[in-house]
């Protein structure tokens, strides 16, 4: 079952942040990920306007998505943004309707 990596970000240092974004596409691809949306036009419908960059990546499975996020190569790339180049909220969600009432 596919899973989606959803990120909301705010870039504070574009030069350092680019060191992260230059590395990530190849890493995502190695784990079977496919970028569905990255940057582009958006409209905040509800909630704070803290983040101004949105990314959605589809992976073949939840396990593939979490393995990618926790991989040494992704952790190394993310160090550039985690060092102050930006702020990110990231969530991985499995597809399907698992709602329990």
PDB file of N, CA and C in Angstrom:
ATOM      1  N   UNK A   1       0.837  -1.166   0.000  1.00  0.00           N
ATOM      2  CA  UNK A   1       0.000   0.000   0.000  1.00  0.00           C
ATOM      3  C   UNK A   1       0.894   1.246   0.000  1.00  0.00           C
ATOM      4  N   UNK A   2       0.663   2.191  -0.893  1.00  0.00           N
ATOM      5  CA  UNK A   2       1.504   3.388  -0.953  1.00  0.00           C
ATOM      6  C   UNK A   2       1.445   4.215   0.336  1.00  0.00           C
ATOM      7  N   UNK A   3       2.471   4.998   0.528  1.00  0.00           N
ATOM      8  CA  UNK A   3       2.528   5.933   1.647  1.00  0.00           C
ATOM      9  C   UNK A   3       3.035   7.270   1.115  1.00  0.00           C
ATOM     10  N   UNK A   4       2.700   8.325   1.801  1.00  0.00           N
ATOM     11  CA  UNK A   4       3.053   9.670   1.361  1.00  0.00           C
ATOM     12  C   UNK A   4       3.861  10.388   2.427  1.00  0.00           C
ATOM     13  N   UNK A   5       4.949  10.968   1.967  1.00  0.00           N
ATOM     14  CA  UNK A   5       5.830  11.782   2.791  1.00  0.00           C
ATOM     15  C   UNK A   5       5.374  13.207   2.504  1.00  0.00           C
ATOM     16  N   UNK A   6       4.905  13.894   3.522  1.00  0.00           N
ATOM     17  CA  UNK A   6       4.354  15.232   3.362  1.00  0.00           C
ATOM     18  C   UNK A   6       5.184  16.184   4.212  1.00  0.00           C
ATOM     19  N   UNK A   7       5.732  17.206   3.580  1.00  0.00           N
ATOM     20  CA  UNK A   7       6.588  18.157   4.290  1.00  0.00           C
ATOM     21  C   UNK A   7       6.101  19.580   4.062  1.00  0.00           C
ATOM     22  N   UNK A   8       6.155  20.345   5.135  1.00  0.00           N
ATOM     23  CA  UNK A   8       5.896  21.784   5.073  1.00  0.00           C
ATOM     24  C   UNK A   8       7.169  22.456   5.561  1.00  0.00           C
ATOM     25  N   UNK A   9       7.648  23.436   4.815  1.00  0.00           N
ATOM     26  CA  UNK A   9       8.922  24.035   5.207  1.00  0.00           C
ATOM     27  C   UNK A   9       8.925  25.547   5.051  1.00  0.00           C
ATOM     28  N   UNK A  10       9.868  26.128   5.765  1.00  0.00           N
ATOM     29  CA  UNK A  10      10.160  27.560   5.688  1.00  0.00           C
ATOM     30  C   UNK A  10      11.669  27.665   5.551  1.00  0.00           C
ATOM     31  N   UNK A  11      12.117  28.272   4.475  1.00  0.00           N
ATOM     32  CA  UNK A  11      13.545  28.379   4.179  1.00  0.00           C
ATOM     33  C   UNK A  11      14.070  29.699   4.732  1.00  0.00           C
ATOM     34  N   UNK A  12      15.128  29.611   5.532  1.00  0.00           N
ATOM     35  CA  UNK A  12      15.725  30.823   6.106  1.00  0.00           C
ATOM     36  C   UNK A  12      17.088  31.151   5.497  1.00  0.00           C
ATOM     37  N   UNK A  13      17.750  30.158   4.925  1.00  0.00           N
ATOM     38  CA  UNK A  13      19.048  30.368   4.266  1.00  0.00           C
ATOM     39  C   UNK A  13      19.031  29.571   2.958  1.00  0.00           C
ATOM     40  N   UNK A  14      18.628  30.222   1.854  1.00  0.00           N
ATOM     41  CA  UNK A  14      18.486  29.510   0.581  1.00  0.00           C
ATOM     42  C   UNK A  14      19.762  28.828   0.081  1.00  0.00           C
ATOM     43  N   UNK A  15      20.908  29.400   0.328  1.00  0.00           N
ATOM     44  CA  UNK A  15      22.167  28.819  -0.146  1.00  0.00           C
ATOM     45  C   UNK A  15      22.439  27.496   0.564  1.00  0.00           C
ATOM     46  N   UNK A  16      22.325  27.477   1.883  1.00  0.00           N
ATOM     47  CA  UNK A  16      22.540  26.240   2.642  1.00  0.00           C
ATOM     48  C   UNK A  16      21.431  25.231   2.384  1.00  0.00           C
ATOM     49  N   UNK A  17      20.194  25.703   2.245  1.00  0.00           N
ATOM     50  CA  UNK A  17      19.060  24.808   1.995  1.00  0.00           C
ATOM     51  C   UNK A  17      19.216  24.092   0.661  1.00  0.00           C
ATOM     52  N   UNK A  18      19.793  24.777  -0.325  1.00  0.00           N
ATOM     53  CA  UNK A  18      20.007  24.166  -1.642  1.00  0.00           C
ATOM     54  C   UNK A  18      20.976  22.986  -1.552  1.00  0.00           C
ATOM     55  N   UNK A  19      21.902  23.026  -0.612  1.00  0.00           N
ATOM     56  CA  UNK A  19      22.813  21.892  -0.419  1.00  0.00           C
ATOM     57  C   UNK A  19      22.021  20.647  -0.019  1.00  0.00           C
ATOM     58  N   UNK A  20      20.927  20.843   0.677  1.00  0.00           N
ATOM     59  CA  UNK A  20      20.019  19.755   1.037  1.00  0.00           C
ATOM     60  C   UNK A  20      19.203  19.323  -0.171  1.00  0.00           C
ATOM     61  N   UNK A  21      18.530  20.271  -0.818  1.00  0.00           N
ATOM     62  CA  UNK A  21      17.634  19.925  -1.926  1.00  0.00           C
ATOM     63  C   UNK A  21      18.369  19.349  -3.132  1.00  0.00           C
ATOM     64  N   UNK A  22      19.632  19.678  -3.310  1.00  0.00           N
ATOM     65  CA  UNK A  22      20.407  19.099  -4.416  1.00  0.00           C
ATOM     66  C   UNK A  22      20.647  17.599  -4.218  1.00  0.00           C
ATOM     67  N   UNK A  23      20.712  17.150  -2.979  1.00  0.00           N
ATOM     68  CA  UNK A  23      21.025  15.751  -2.673  1.00  0.00           C
ATOM     69  C   UNK A  23      19.792  14.851  -2.599  1.00  0.00           C
ATOM     70  N   UNK A  24      18.667  15.418  -2.220  1.00  0.00           N
ATOM     71  CA  UNK A  24      17.492  14.620  -1.876  1.00  0.00           C
ATOM     72  C   UNK A  24      16.848  13.855  -3.039  1.00  0.00           C
ATOM     73  N   UNK A  25      16.701  14.408  -4.241  1.00  0.00           N
ATOM     74  CA  UNK A  25      16.017  13.645  -5.300  1.00  0.00           C
ATOM     75  C   UNK A  25      16.605  12.260  -5.568  1.00  0.00           C
ATOM     76  N   UNK A  26      17.905  12.144  -5.620  1.00  0.00           N
ATOM     77  CA  UNK A  26      18.533  10.840  -5.852  1.00  0.00           C
ATOM     78  C   UNK A  26      18.290   9.870  -4.707  1.00  0.00           C
ATOM     79  N   UNK A  27      18.289  10.383  -3.489  1.00  0.00           N
ATOM     80  CA  UNK A  27      18.036   9.534  -2.317  1.00  0.00           C
ATOM     81  C   UNK A  27      16.611   9.002  -2.369  1.00  0.00           C
ATOM     82  N   UNK A  28      15.671   9.872  -2.638  1.00  0.00           N
ATOM     83  CA  UNK A  28      14.260   9.484  -2.717  1.00  0.00           C
ATOM     84  C   UNK A  28      14.061   8.420  -3.793  1.00  0.00           C
ATOM     85  N   UNK A  29      14.683   8.620  -4.923  1.00  0.00           N
ATOM     86  CA  UNK A  29      14.557   7.680  -6.034  1.00  0.00           C
ATOM     87  C   UNK A  29      15.063   6.284  -5.655  1.00  0.00           C
ATOM     88  N   UNK A  30      16.161   6.223  -4.903  1.00  0.00           N
ATOM     89  CA  UNK A  30      16.721   4.930  -4.486  1.00  0.00           C
ATOM     90  C   UNK A  30      15.761   4.127  -3.606  1.00  0.00           C
ATOM     91  N   UNK A  31      14.841   4.811  -2.946  1.00  0.00           N
ATOM     92  CA  UNK A  31      13.866   4.138  -2.089  1.00  0.00           C
ATOM     93  C   UNK A  31      12.500   3.997  -2.759  1.00  0.00           C
ATOM     94  N   UNK A  32      12.459   4.220  -4.072  1.00  0.00           N
ATOM     95  CA  UNK A  32      11.222   4.042  -4.823  1.00  0.00           C
ATOM     96  C   UNK A  32      10.266   5.209  -4.737  1.00  0.00           C
ATOM     97  N   UNK A  33      10.738   6.345  -4.236  1.00  0.00           N
ATOM     98  CA  UNK A  33       9.880   7.513  -4.085  1.00  0.00           C
ATOM     99  C   UNK A  33       9.678   8.266  -5.380  1.00  0.00           C
ATOM    100  N   UNK A  34       8.526   8.897  -5.480  1.00  0.00           N
ATOM    101  CA  UNK A  34       8.180   9.710  -6.643  1.00  0.00           C
ATOM    102  C   UNK A  34       7.622  11.038  -6.140  1.00  0.00           C
ATOM    103  N   UNK A  35       8.258  12.136  -6.536  1.00  0.00           N
ATOM    104  CA  UNK A  35       7.804  13.459  -6.115  1.00  0.00           C
ATOM    105  C   UNK A  35       6.508  13.795  -6.832  1.00  0.00           C
ATOM    106  N   UNK A  36       5.476  14.052  -6.053  1.00  0.00           N
ATOM    107  CA  UNK A  36       4.162  14.398  -6.598  1.00  0.00           C
ATOM    108  C   UNK A  36       3.976  15.916  -6.647  1.00  0.00           C
ATOM    109  N   UNK A  37       4.526  16.618  -5.666  1.00  0.00           N
ATOM    110  CA  UNK A  37       4.464  18.082  -5.612  1.00  0.00           C
ATOM    111  C   UNK A  37       5.687  18.571  -4.856  1.00  0.00           C
ATOM    112  N   UNK A  38       6.317  19.604  -5.372  1.00  0.00           N
ATOM    113  CA  UNK A  38       7.504  20.169  -4.725  1.00  0.00           C
ATOM    114  C   UNK A  38       7.540  21.644  -5.058  1.00  0.00           C
ATOM    115  N   UNK A  39       7.270  22.470  -4.065  1.00  0.00           N
ATOM    116  CA  UNK A  39       7.182  23.897  -4.323  1.00  0.00           C
ATOM    117  C   UNK A  39       5.902  24.165  -5.093  1.00  0.00           C
ATOM    118  N   UNK A  40       5.913  25.125  -5.951  1.00  0.00           N
ATOM    119  CA  UNK A  40       4.750  25.393  -6.791  1.00  0.00           C
ATOM    120  C   UNK A  40       3.677  26.220  -6.094  1.00  0.00           C
ATOM    121  N   UNK A  41       2.629  26.448  -6.835  1.00  0.00           N
ATOM    122  CA  UNK A  41       1.521  27.270  -6.368  1.00  0.00           C
ATOM    123  C   UNK A  41       0.792  26.587  -5.215  1.00  0.00           C
ATOM    124  N   UNK A  42       0.428  27.351  -4.218  1.00  0.00           N
ATOM    125  CA  UNK A  42      -0.324  26.830  -3.080  1.00  0.00           C
ATOM    126  C   UNK A  42      -1.239  27.920  -2.529  1.00  0.00           C
ATOM    127  N   UNK A  43      -2.171  27.497  -1.723  1.00  0.00           N
ATOM    128  CA  UNK A  43      -3.063  28.421  -1.027  1.00  0.00           C
ATOM    129  C   UNK A  43      -3.355  27.813   0.340  1.00  0.00           C
ATOM    130  N   UNK A  44      -3.020  28.518   1.382  1.00  0.00           N
ATOM    131  CA  UNK A  44      -3.304  28.045   2.729  1.00  0.00           C
ATOM    132  C   UNK A  44      -4.783  28.271   2.991  1.00  0.00           C
ATOM    133  N   UNK A  45      -5.497  27.190   3.208  1.00  0.00           N
ATOM    134  CA  UNK A  45      -6.943  27.265   3.397  1.00  0.00           C
ATOM    135  C   UNK A  45      -7.320  27.445   4.865  1.00  0.00           C
ATOM    136  N   UNK A  46      -6.476  26.941   5.754  1.00  0.00           N
ATOM    137  CA  UNK A  46      -6.760  27.030   7.178  1.00  0.00           C
ATOM    138  C   UNK A  46      -5.465  26.805   7.934  1.00  0.00           C
ATOM    139  N   UNK A  47      -5.297  27.483   9.025  1.00  0.00           N
ATOM    140  CA  UNK A  47      -4.113  27.299   9.849  1.00  0.00           C
ATOM    141  C   UNK A  47      -3.112  28.427   9.673  1.00  0.00           C
ATOM    142  N   UNK A  48      -2.020  28.346  10.423  1.00  0.00           N
ATOM    143  CA  UNK A  48      -1.013  29.415  10.388  1.00  0.00           C
ATOM    144  C   UNK A  48      -0.286  29.481   9.044  1.00  0.00           C
ATOM    145  N   UNK A  49       0.170  30.655   8.727  1.00  0.00           N
ATOM    146  CA  UNK A  49       0.910  30.858   7.474  1.00  0.00           C
ATOM    147  C   UNK A  49       2.412  30.844   7.740  1.00  0.00           C
ATOM    148  N   UNK A  50       2.838  29.883   8.498  1.00  0.00           N
ATOM    149  CA  UNK A  50       4.244  29.763   8.890  1.00  0.00           C
ATOM    150  C   UNK A  50       5.106  29.165   7.787  1.00  0.00           C
ATOM    151  N   UNK A  51       4.559  28.210   7.053  1.00  0.00           N
ATOM    152  CA  UNK A  51       5.330  27.497   6.045  1.00  0.00           C
ATOM    153  C   UNK A  51       4.943  27.956   4.646  1.00  0.00           C
ATOM    154  N   UNK A  52       5.929  27.999   3.741  1.00  0.00           N
ATOM    155  CA  UNK A  52       5.682  28.511   2.390  1.00  0.00           C
ATOM    156  C   UNK A  52       6.261  27.627   1.291  1.00  0.00           C
ATOM    157  N   UNK A  53       6.557  26.396   1.640  1.00  0.00           N
ATOM    158  CA  UNK A  53       7.013  25.412   0.657  1.00  0.00           C
ATOM    159  C   UNK A  53       6.420  24.076   1.075  1.00  0.00           C
ATOM    160  N   UNK A  54       5.827  23.387   0.131  1.00  0.00           N
ATOM    161  CA  UNK A  54       5.117  22.154   0.431  1.00  0.00           C
ATOM    162  C   UNK A  54       5.585  21.055  -0.515  1.00  0.00           C
ATOM    163  N   UNK A  55       5.795  19.853   0.034  1.00  0.00           N
ATOM    164  CA  UNK A  55       6.318  18.740  -0.748  1.00  0.00           C
ATOM    165  C   UNK A  55       5.495  17.490  -0.433  1.00  0.00           C
ATOM    166  N   UNK A  56       5.115  16.762  -1.483  1.00  0.00           N
ATOM    167  CA  UNK A  56       4.423  15.478  -1.323  1.00  0.00           C
ATOM    168  C   UNK A  56       5.184  14.456  -2.160  1.00  0.00           C
ATOM    169  N   UNK A  57       5.590  13.360  -1.518  1.00  0.00           N
ATOM    170  CA  UNK A  57       6.340  12.311  -2.196  1.00  0.00           C
ATOM    171  C   UNK A  57       5.632  10.989  -1.948  1.00  0.00           C
ATOM    172  N   UNK A  58       5.386  10.246  -3.013  1.00  0.00           N
ATOM    173  CA  UNK A  58       4.750   8.942  -2.894  1.00  0.00           C
ATOM    174  C   UNK A  58       5.821   7.857  -2.869  1.00  0.00           C
ATOM    175  N   UNK A  59       5.690   6.926  -1.926  1.00  0.00           N
ATOM    176  CA  UNK A  59       6.566   5.763  -1.838  1.00  0.00           C
ATOM    177  C   UNK A  59       5.721   4.516  -2.006  1.00  0.00           C
ATOM    178  N   UNK A  60       6.312   3.413  -2.443  1.00  0.00           N
ATOM    179  CA  UNK A  60       5.530   2.194  -2.651  1.00  0.00           C
ATOM    180  C   UNK A  60       4.940   1.632  -1.356  1.00  0.00           C
ATOM    181  N   UNK A  61       5.626   1.866  -0.230  1.00  0.00           N
ATOM    182  CA  UNK A  61       5.151   1.358   1.061  1.00  0.00           C
ATOM    183  C   UNK A  61       5.526   2.340   2.166  1.00  0.00           C
ATOM    184  N   UNK A  62       4.865   2.199   3.301  1.00  0.00           N
ATOM    185  CA  UNK A  62       5.190   2.984   4.491  1.00  0.00           C
ATOM    186  C   UNK A  62       6.628   2.703   4.917  1.00  0.00           C
ATOM    187  N   UNK A  63       7.015   1.430   4.861  1.00  0.00           N
ATOM    188  CA  UNK A  63       8.366   1.028   5.259  1.00  0.00           C
ATOM    189  C   UNK A  63       9.434   1.668   4.370  1.00  0.00           C
ATOM    190  N   UNK A  64       9.170   1.757   3.065  1.00  0.00           N
ATOM    191  CA  UNK A  64      10.132   2.391   2.154  1.00  0.00           C
ATOM    192  C   UNK A  64      10.292   3.869   2.493  1.00  0.00           C
ATOM    193  N   UNK A  65       9.176   4.527   2.810  1.00  0.00           N
ATOM    194  CA  UNK A  65       9.223   5.956   3.147  1.00  0.00           C
ATOM    195  C   UNK A  65      10.004   6.196   4.432  1.00  0.00           C
ATOM    196  N   UNK A  66       9.726   5.404   5.463  1.00  0.00           N
ATOM    197  CA  UNK A  66      10.445   5.596   6.722  1.00  0.00           C
ATOM    198  C   UNK A  66      11.915   5.192   6.592  1.00  0.00           C
ATOM    199  N   UNK A  67      12.200   4.162   5.813  1.00  0.00           N
ATOM    200  CA  UNK A  67      13.599   3.766   5.584  1.00  0.00           C
ATOM    201  C   UNK A  67      14.365   4.879   4.898  1.00  0.00           C
ATOM    202  N   UNK A  68      13.750   5.540   3.954  1.00  0.00           N
ATOM    203  CA  UNK A  68      14.390   6.659   3.264  1.00  0.00           C
ATOM    204  C   UNK A  68      14.686   7.787   4.251  1.00  0.00           C
ATOM    205  N   UNK A  69      13.693   8.165   5.035  1.00  0.00           N
ATOM    206  CA  UNK A  69      13.856   9.270   5.989  1.00  0.00           C
ATOM    207  C   UNK A  69      14.941   8.974   7.022  1.00  0.00           C
ATOM    208  N   UNK A  70      15.045   7.717   7.433  1.00  0.00           N
ATOM    209  CA  UNK A  70      16.012   7.329   8.456  1.00  0.00           C
ATOM    210  C   UNK A  70      17.353   6.872   7.893  1.00  0.00           C
ATOM    211  N   UNK A  71      17.498   6.858   6.565  1.00  0.00           N
ATOM    212  CA  UNK A  71      18.729   6.376   5.950  1.00  0.00           C
ATOM    213  C   UNK A  71      19.908   7.304   6.242  1.00  0.00           C
ATOM    214  N   UNK A  72      21.113   6.740   6.309  1.00  0.00           N
ATOM    215  CA  UNK A  72      22.296   7.568   6.560  1.00  0.00           C
ATOM    216  C   UNK A  72      22.467   8.680   5.522  1.00  0.00           C
ATOM    217  N   UNK A  73      22.184   8.390   4.255  1.00  0.00           N
ATOM    218  CA  UNK A  73      22.367   9.401   3.224  1.00  0.00           C
ATOM    219  C   UNK A  73      21.358  10.536   3.352  1.00  0.00           C
ATOM    220  N   UNK A  74      20.118  10.244   3.766  1.00  0.00           N
ATOM    221  CA  UNK A  74      19.146  11.321   3.966  1.00  0.00           C
ATOM    222  C   UNK A  74      19.489  12.128   5.217  1.00  0.00           C
ATOM    223  N   UNK A  75      19.876  11.452   6.284  1.00  0.00           N
ATOM    224  CA  UNK A  75      20.258  12.152   7.511  1.00  0.00           C
ATOM    225  C   UNK A  75      21.425  13.104   7.232  1.00  0.00           C
ATOM    226  N   UNK A  76      22.374  12.651   6.422  1.00  0.00           N
ATOM    227  CA  UNK A  76      23.517  13.502   6.050  1.00  0.00           C
ATOM    228  C   UNK A  76      23.057  14.722   5.261  1.00  0.00           C
ATOM    229  N   UNK A  77      22.162  14.529   4.303  1.00  0.00           N
ATOM    230  CA  UNK A  77      21.647  15.656   3.512  1.00  0.00           C
ATOM    231  C   UNK A  77      20.830  16.602   4.380  1.00  0.00           C
ATOM    232  N   UNK A  78      19.982  16.049   5.248  1.00  0.00           N
ATOM    233  CA  UNK A  78      19.112  16.873   6.094  1.00  0.00           C
ATOM    234  C   UNK A  78      19.903  17.717   7.092  1.00  0.00           C
ATOM    235  N   UNK A  79      21.129  17.332   7.374  1.00  0.00           N
ATOM    236  CA  UNK A  79      21.957  18.099   8.311  1.00  0.00           C
ATOM    237  C   UNK A  79      22.130  19.543   7.852  1.00  0.00           C
ATOM    238  N   UNK A  80      22.123  19.789   6.532  1.00  0.00           N
ATOM    239  CA  UNK A  80      22.266  21.152   6.028  1.00  0.00           C
ATOM    240  C   UNK A  80      21.085  22.023   6.448  1.00  0.00           C
ATOM    241  N   UNK A  81      19.871  21.525   6.297  1.00  0.00           N
ATOM    242  CA  UNK A  81      18.725  22.335   6.692  1.00  0.00           C
ATOM    243  C   UNK A  81      18.532  22.343   8.194  1.00  0.00           C
ATOM    244  N   UNK A  82      18.874  21.240   8.856  1.00  0.00           N
ATOM    245  CA  UNK A  82      18.723  21.162  10.311  1.00  0.00           C
ATOM    246  C   UNK A  82      19.704  22.064  11.040  1.00  0.00           C
ATOM    247  N   UNK A  83      20.743  22.504  10.369  1.00  0.00           N
ATOM    248  CA  UNK A  83      21.735  23.399  10.970  1.00  0.00           C
ATOM    249  C   UNK A  83      21.301  24.857  10.910  1.00  0.00           C
ATOM    250  N   UNK A  84      20.051  25.105  10.559  1.00  0.00           N
ATOM    251  CA  UNK A  84      19.542  26.475  10.566  1.00  0.00           C
ATOM    252  C   UNK A  84      19.137  27.029   9.221  1.00  0.00           C
ATOM    253  N   UNK A  85      19.239  26.228   8.159  1.00  0.00           N
ATOM    254  CA  UNK A  85      18.887  26.713   6.820  1.00  0.00           C
ATOM    255  C   UNK A  85      17.380  26.750   6.598  1.00  0.00           C
ATOM    256  N   UNK A  86      16.641  26.061   7.464  1.00  0.00           N
ATOM    257  CA  UNK A  86      15.193  26.058   7.320  1.00  0.00           C
ATOM    258  C   UNK A  86      14.534  25.285   8.441  1.00  0.00           C
ATOM    259  N   UNK A  87      13.233  25.393   8.467  1.00  0.00           N
ATOM    260  CA  UNK A  87      12.430  24.672   9.443  1.00  0.00           C
ATOM    261  C   UNK A  87      11.440  23.803   8.685  1.00  0.00           C
ATOM    262  N   UNK A  88      11.291  22.553   9.099  1.00  0.00           N
ATOM    263  CA  UNK A  88      10.445  21.606   8.375  1.00  0.00           C
ATOM    264  C   UNK A  88       9.579  20.828   9.351  1.00  0.00           C
ATOM    265  N   UNK A  89       8.352  20.607   8.946  1.00  0.00           N
ATOM    266  CA  UNK A  89       7.484  19.627   9.592  1.00  0.00           C
ATOM    267  C   UNK A  89       7.312  18.516   8.580  1.00  0.00           C
ATOM    268  N   UNK A  90       7.496  17.284   9.006  1.00  0.00           N
ATOM    269  CA  UNK A  90       7.451  16.163   8.081  1.00  0.00           C
ATOM    270  C   UNK A  90       6.600  15.053   8.686  1.00  0.00           C
ATOM    271  N   UNK A  91       5.729  14.481   7.874  1.00  0.00           N
ATOM    272  CA  UNK A  91       4.900  13.370   8.318  1.00  0.00           C
ATOM    273  C   UNK A  91       4.841  12.337   7.197  1.00  0.00           C
ATOM    274  N   UNK A  92       4.794  11.073   7.570  1.00  0.00           N
ATOM    275  CA  UNK A  92       4.607  10.000   6.596  1.00  0.00           C
ATOM    276  C   UNK A  92       3.276   9.352   6.931  1.00  0.00           C
ATOM    277  N   UNK A  93       2.422   9.238   5.938  1.00  0.00           N
ATOM    278  CA  UNK A  93       1.088   8.685   6.152  1.00  0.00           C
ATOM    279  C   UNK A  93       0.807   7.606   5.110  1.00  0.00           C
ATOM    280  N   UNK A  94       0.292   6.482   5.584  1.00  0.00           N
ATOM    281  CA  UNK A  94      -0.071   5.389   4.692  1.00  0.00           C
ATOM    282  C   UNK A  94      -1.391   5.714   4.013  1.00  0.00           C
ATOM    283  N   UNK A  95      -1.525   5.338   2.745  1.00  0.00           N
ATOM    284  CA  UNK A  95      -2.764   5.600   2.029  1.00  0.00           C
ATOM    285  C   UNK A  95      -3.867   4.670   2.506  1.00  0.00           C
ATOM    286  N   UNK A  96      -5.058   4.948   2.096  1.00  0.00           N
ATOM    287  CA  UNK A  96      -6.180   4.111   2.480  1.00  0.00           C
ATOM    288  C   UNK A  96      -7.040   4.789   3.514  1.00  0.00           C
ATOM    289  N   UNK A  97      -8.149   4.176   3.830  1.00  0.00           N
ATOM    290  CA  UNK A  97      -9.088   4.717   4.787  1.00  0.00           C
ATOM    291  C   UNK A  97      -9.050   3.869   6.054  1.00  0.00           C
ATOM    292  N   UNK A  98      -8.234   4.300   6.991  1.00  0.00           N
ATOM    293  CA  UNK A  98      -8.091   3.555   8.241  1.00  0.00           C
ATOM    294  C   UNK A  98      -8.871   4.211   9.367  1.00  0.00           C
ATOM    295  N   UNK A  99      -9.822   5.063   9.031  1.00  0.00           N
ATOM    296  CA  UNK A  99     -10.591   5.777  10.034  1.00  0.00           C
ATOM    297  C   UNK A  99     -11.398   4.816  10.892  1.00  0.00           C
ATOM    298  N   UNK A 100     -11.269   4.982  12.175  1.00  0.00           N
ATOM    299  CA  UNK A 100     -12.029   4.179  13.137  1.00  0.00           C
ATOM    300  C   UNK A 100     -12.995   5.120  13.837  1.00  0.00           C
ATOM    301  N   UNK A 101     -14.266   4.761  13.836  1.00  0.00           N
ATOM    302  CA  UNK A 101     -15.274   5.616  14.478  1.00  0.00           C
ATOM    303  C   UNK A 101     -15.654   5.030  15.804  1.00  0.00           C
TER     304      UNK A 101
END
